[in-house]
Amino acid sequence: DDADLWKALVLTVVRRRFHSRSPEARADAKSEAEDEAALGDGERLIFYVAFVVILHLLREDGHHGLAAKAASVLCSLAPLAGGSRDTCTLLELAAYDALQSTGLNQQRAAHGHAAALAAAAIAFSSD
């Protein structure tokens, strides 16, 4: 079932991200000081990449309800999973995706940052 696959994807990403912050994972990291991967940066990267992939699927498939729900769940859990760092990164990734999907990144390359910023402000304020 398509919904079950989306649920499995989101739960896997969230479980990895939350587990790295759990007391058990922290105890393991302290007991195994040579294992630097247990500190959570790999899980953070997986969290971010999963969000970017979901945004890409939304852009490619139009209004795919399950992808939108998955992105919403990841966004709502970001403050709990990684605090303001994860929240700000997801906002930044979503803003970049919005600029990319509207062609404003190409405008930035052609006309500079100021022109693209002005066009983005006009485009997104009219919504």
Foldseek 3Di string as FASTA:
>chain_A
DVLVVLVVLLVVLLCLLQVLVDPVLVVVCVVCVVPPPSNRPVSLVSLLVSLLVLLVCCLVVPCDPSSVVSNVVSLVCQCVRPNPVSNVSSVVSVVVSVCVSVVLVVVCVVPNDVVSVVVVCVVVVVD
